[in-house]
Amino acid sequence: MTVLPINIARVPNLLSQRLSLSNLGRTSLSLLDVQTQLATGRQINRPSDDSVKASAISVLDDRLAVAQQRNRNLSHATSVLDTLDTSIGGITDLVRQAQTIASSQVGVQSDAQTRSQQAVVVDSLISSLLNLSLIHI
């Protein structure tokens, strides 16, 4: 039942009905808002519900998005560095192998034919080294 304010004791029936209908509408709207809050689990569903809290939520959402992007960037950088580290390890092995072969041919023990064969091996190692370095640049 609608209670009319005291200052409008003598009013037409139409005004009384409109006031009651208006009160029912506000009550229904309030119930709908509460029902929506319960169903979604959120206190604010639209920025117009509470502009101050909505702006705070927006700022926090932006910070969360930036932090998530930073984590994705760091993850990507880590995987790139791991790949480069593996490649550098392979390049280091190739350089050591070429150095070992070249150093073994410096002495008096090897003849010209052996040196030329080992030079082909060292040349193929250098080509592999260049291929690896071009792939990761």
C-alpha atoms as a PDB file:
ATOM      1  CA  MET A   1       0.000   0.000   0.000  1.00  0.00           C
ATOM      2  CA  THR A   2       1.298   3.420  -0.933  1.00  0.00           C
ATOM      3  CA  VAL A   3       1.558   6.035   1.756  1.00  0.00           C
ATOM      4  CA  LEU A   4       1.032   9.563   0.533  1.00  0.00           C
ATOM      5  CA  PRO A   5       2.953  12.428   2.021  1.00  0.00           C
ATOM      6  CA  ILE A   6       1.006  14.592   4.449  1.00  0.00           C
ATOM      7  CA  ASN A   7       1.411  17.772   2.398  1.00  0.00           C
ATOM      8  CA  ILE A   8      -0.754  16.318  -0.401  1.00  0.00           C
ATOM      9  CA  ALA A   9      -3.716  15.055   1.611  1.00  0.00           C
ATOM     10  CA  ARG A  10      -6.354  16.327  -0.753  1.00  0.00           C
ATOM     11  CA  VAL A  11      -5.344  15.209  -4.220  1.00  0.00           C
ATOM     12  CA  PRO A  12      -7.190  13.800  -7.182  1.00  0.00           C
ATOM     13  CA  ASN A  13      -7.371  10.051  -7.546  1.00  0.00           C
ATOM     14  CA  LEU A  14      -5.321  10.161 -10.775  1.00  0.00           C
ATOM     15  CA  LEU A  15      -2.378  11.848  -9.017  1.00  0.00           C
ATOM     16  CA  SER A  16      -2.585   9.344  -6.196  1.00  0.00           C
ATOM     17  CA  GLN A  17      -2.544   6.457  -8.677  1.00  0.00           C
ATOM     18  CA  ARG A  18       0.425   7.928 -10.557  1.00  0.00           C
ATOM     19  CA  LEU A  19       2.389   8.333  -7.331  1.00  0.00           C
ATOM     20  CA  SER A  20       1.653   4.723  -6.417  1.00  0.00           C
ATOM     21  CA  LEU A  21       2.619   3.531  -9.900  1.00  0.00           C
ATOM     22  CA  SER A  22       5.822   5.557  -9.765  1.00  0.00           C
ATOM     23  CA  ASN A  23       6.714   4.036  -6.378  1.00  0.00           C
ATOM     24  CA  LEU A  24       6.021   0.535  -7.721  1.00  0.00           C
ATOM     25  CA  GLY A  25       8.207   1.227 -10.751  1.00  0.00           C
ATOM     26  CA  ARG A  26      11.112   2.419  -8.580  1.00  0.00           C
ATOM     27  CA  THR A  27      10.732  -0.616  -6.338  1.00  0.00           C
ATOM     28  CA  SER A  28      10.683  -2.960  -9.336  1.00  0.00           C
ATOM     29  CA  LEU A  29      13.759  -1.265 -10.786  1.00  0.00           C
ATOM     30  CA  SER A  30      15.579  -1.625  -7.474  1.00  0.00           C
ATOM     31  CA  LEU A  31      14.646  -5.307  -7.329  1.00  0.00           C
ATOM     32  CA  LEU A  32      15.874  -5.768 -10.907  1.00  0.00           C
ATOM     33  CA  ASP A  33      19.198  -4.131 -10.029  1.00  0.00           C
ATOM     34  CA  VAL A  34      19.641  -6.372  -6.992  1.00  0.00           C
ATOM     35  CA  GLN A  35      18.652  -9.432  -9.006  1.00  0.00           C
ATOM     36  CA  THR A  36      21.197  -8.536 -11.704  1.00  0.00           C
ATOM     37  CA  GLN A  37      23.881  -8.031  -9.080  1.00  0.00           C
ATOM     38  CA  LEU A  38      23.143 -11.440  -7.574  1.00  0.00           C
ATOM     39  CA  ALA A  39      23.051 -13.171 -10.970  1.00  0.00           C
ATOM     40  CA  THR A  40      26.305 -11.653 -12.265  1.00  0.00           C
ATOM     41  CA  GLY A  41      28.156 -11.501  -8.968  1.00  0.00           C
ATOM     42  CA  ARG A  42      29.092  -7.890  -9.717  1.00  0.00           C
ATOM     43  CA  GLN A  43      28.040  -4.843  -7.807  1.00  0.00           C
ATOM     44  CA  ILE A  44      28.566  -2.600 -10.837  1.00  0.00           C
ATOM     45  CA  ASN A  45      27.289  -3.803 -14.197  1.00  0.00           C
ATOM     46  CA  ARG A  46      27.217  -0.464 -16.020  1.00  0.00           C
ATOM     47  CA  PRO A  47      29.342   2.641 -15.519  1.00  0.00           C
ATOM     48  CA  SER A  48      26.150   4.532 -14.727  1.00  0.00           C
ATOM     49  CA  ASP A  49      25.567   2.351 -11.636  1.00  0.00           C
ATOM     50  CA  ASP A  50      28.410   4.089  -9.776  1.00  0.00           C
ATOM     51  CA  SER A  51      30.721   6.297 -11.804  1.00  0.00           C
ATOM     52  CA  VAL A  52      33.429   6.594  -9.138  1.00  0.00           C
ATOM     53  CA  LYS A  53      33.716   2.846  -8.604  1.00  0.00           C
ATOM     54  CA  ALA A  54      33.433   2.244 -12.357  1.00  0.00           C
ATOM     55  CA  SER A  55      36.395   4.542 -13.034  1.00  0.00           C
ATOM     56  CA  ALA A  56      38.431   2.800 -10.322  1.00  0.00           C
ATOM     57  CA  ILE A  57      37.565  -0.569 -11.863  1.00  0.00           C
ATOM     58  CA  SER A  58      38.563   0.747 -15.281  1.00  0.00           C
ATOM     59  CA  VAL A  59      41.947   1.883 -13.970  1.00  0.00           C
ATOM     60  CA  LEU A  60      42.517  -1.498 -12.298  1.00  0.00           C
ATOM     61  CA  ASP A  61      41.479  -3.336 -15.479  1.00  0.00           C
ATOM     62  CA  ASP A  62      43.977  -1.267 -17.470  1.00  0.00           C
ATOM     63  CA  ARG A  63      46.743  -2.031 -14.976  1.00  0.00           C
ATOM     64  CA  LEU A  64      45.879  -5.721 -15.116  1.00  0.00           C
ATOM     65  CA  ALA A  65      45.986  -5.684 -18.929  1.00  0.00           C
ATOM     66  CA  VAL A  66      49.386  -3.951 -18.878  1.00  0.00           C
ATOM     67  CA  ALA A  67      50.745  -6.482 -16.376  1.00  0.00           C
ATOM     68  CA  GLN A  68      49.467  -9.394 -18.469  1.00  0.00           C
ATOM     69  CA  GLN A  69      51.041  -7.929 -21.620  1.00  0.00           C
ATOM     70  CA  ARG A  70      54.309  -7.423 -19.752  1.00  0.00           C
ATOM     71  CA  ASN A  71      54.246 -11.080 -18.682  1.00  0.00           C
ATOM     72  CA  ARG A  72      53.605 -12.183 -22.283  1.00  0.00           C
ATOM     73  CA  ASN A  73      56.470  -9.969 -23.468  1.00  0.00           C
ATOM     74  CA  LEU A  74      58.814 -11.418 -20.856  1.00  0.00           C
ATOM     75  CA  SER A  75      57.786 -14.949 -21.754  1.00  0.00           C
ATOM     76  CA  HIS A  76      58.445 -14.271 -25.432  1.00  0.00           C
ATOM     77  CA  ALA A  77      61.796 -12.644 -24.648  1.00  0.00           C
ATOM     78  CA  THR A  78      62.768 -15.647 -22.530  1.00  0.00           C
ATOM     79  CA  SER A  79      61.971 -18.072 -25.339  1.00  0.00           C
ATOM     80  CA  VAL A  80      63.920 -15.958 -27.841  1.00  0.00           C
ATOM     81  CA  LEU A  81      66.907 -15.795 -25.489  1.00  0.00           C
ATOM     82  CA  ASP A  82      66.743 -19.552 -24.920  1.00  0.00           C
ATOM     83  CA  THR A  83      66.768 -20.123 -28.676  1.00  0.00           C
ATOM     84  CA  LEU A  84      69.700 -17.740 -29.098  1.00  0.00           C
ATOM     85  CA  ASP A  85      71.548 -19.391 -26.234  1.00  0.00           C
ATOM     86  CA  THR A  86      71.128 -22.780 -27.882  1.00  0.00           C
ATOM     87  CA  SER A  87      72.320 -21.380 -31.201  1.00  0.00           C
ATOM     88  CA  ILE A  88      75.335 -19.712 -29.613  1.00  0.00           C
ATOM     89  CA  GLY A  89      76.190 -23.013 -27.939  1.00  0.00           C
ATOM     90  CA  GLY A  90      76.040 -24.737 -31.341  1.00  0.00           C
ATOM     91  CA  ILE A  91      78.142 -21.993 -32.922  1.00  0.00           C
ATOM     92  CA  THR A  92      80.699 -22.296 -30.129  1.00  0.00           C
ATOM     93  CA  ASP A  93      80.948 -26.049 -30.741  1.00  0.00           C
ATOM     94  CA  LEU A  94      81.458 -25.484 -34.475  1.00  0.00           C
ATOM     95  CA  VAL A  95      84.176 -22.884 -33.859  1.00  0.00           C
ATOM     96  CA  ARG A  96      85.985 -25.172 -31.413  1.00  0.00           C
ATOM     97  CA  GLN A  97      85.776 -28.051 -33.859  1.00  0.00           C
ATOM     98  CA  ALA A  98      87.171 -25.906 -36.683  1.00  0.00           C
ATOM     99  CA  GLN A  99      89.907 -24.572 -34.403  1.00  0.00           C
ATOM    100  CA  THR A 100      90.868 -28.087 -33.301  1.00  0.00           C
ATOM    101  CA  ILE A 101      91.050 -29.330 -36.895  1.00  0.00           C
ATOM    102  CA  ALA A 102      93.016 -26.288 -38.052  1.00  0.00           C
ATOM    103  CA  SER A 103      95.414 -26.530 -35.096  1.00  0.00           C
ATOM    104  CA  SER A 104      96.081 -30.208 -35.757  1.00  0.00           C
ATOM    105  CA  GLN A 105      97.229 -29.381 -39.300  1.00  0.00           C
ATOM    106  CA  VAL A 106      99.803 -26.760 -38.309  1.00  0.00           C
ATOM    107  CA  GLY A 107     102.567 -29.150 -37.356  1.00  0.00           C
ATOM    108  CA  VAL A 108     105.074 -31.060 -39.499  1.00  0.00           C
ATOM    109  CA  GLN A 109     103.086 -34.312 -39.186  1.00  0.00           C
ATOM    110  CA  SER A 110     100.533 -33.584 -41.940  1.00  0.00           C
ATOM    111  CA  ASP A 111     101.165 -33.464 -45.683  1.00  0.00           C
ATOM    112  CA  ALA A 112      99.588 -31.125 -48.253  1.00  0.00           C
ATOM    113  CA  GLN A 113      96.846 -33.580 -49.265  1.00  0.00           C
ATOM    114  CA  THR A 114      95.693 -34.066 -45.639  1.00  0.00           C
ATOM    115  CA  ARG A 115      95.749 -30.320 -45.103  1.00  0.00           C
ATOM    116  CA  SER A 116      93.609 -29.699 -48.181  1.00  0.00           C
ATOM    117  CA  GLN A 117      91.097 -32.335 -47.040  1.00  0.00           C
ATOM    118  CA  GLN A 118      90.939 -30.828 -43.578  1.00  0.00           C
ATOM    119  CA  ALA A 119      90.609 -27.361 -45.157  1.00  0.00           C
ATOM    120  CA  VAL A 120      87.451 -28.602 -46.908  1.00  0.00           C
ATOM    121  CA  VAL A 121      86.113 -29.829 -43.552  1.00  0.00           C
ATOM    122  CA  VAL A 122      86.922 -26.482 -41.885  1.00  0.00           C
ATOM    123  CA  ASP A 123      85.327 -24.648 -44.813  1.00  0.00           C
ATOM    124  CA  SER A 124      82.113 -26.689 -44.397  1.00  0.00           C
ATOM    125  CA  LEU A 125      82.141 -25.924 -40.660  1.00  0.00           C
ATOM    126  CA  ILE A 126      82.491 -22.208 -41.431  1.00  0.00           C
ATOM    127  CA  SER A 127      79.586 -22.443 -43.919  1.00  0.00           C
ATOM    128  CA  SER A 128      77.471 -24.146 -41.253  1.00  0.00           C
ATOM    129  CA  LEU A 129      78.447 -21.391 -38.827  1.00  0.00           C
ATOM    130  CA  LEU A 130      77.357 -18.697 -41.279  1.00  0.00           C
ATOM    131  CA  ASN A 131      74.082 -20.495 -41.942  1.00  0.00           C
ATOM    132  CA  LEU A 132      73.338 -20.704 -38.223  1.00  0.00           C
ATOM    133  CA  SER A 133      74.160 -17.050 -37.684  1.00  0.00           C
ATOM    134  CA  LEU A 134      71.992 -15.913 -40.637  1.00  0.00           C
ATOM    135  CA  ILE A 135      69.008 -17.928 -39.426  1.00  0.00           C
ATOM    136  CA  HIS A 136      68.935 -16.162 -36.041  1.00  0.00           C
ATOM    137  CA  ILE A 137      69.573 -12.613 -37.149  1.00  0.00           C
END
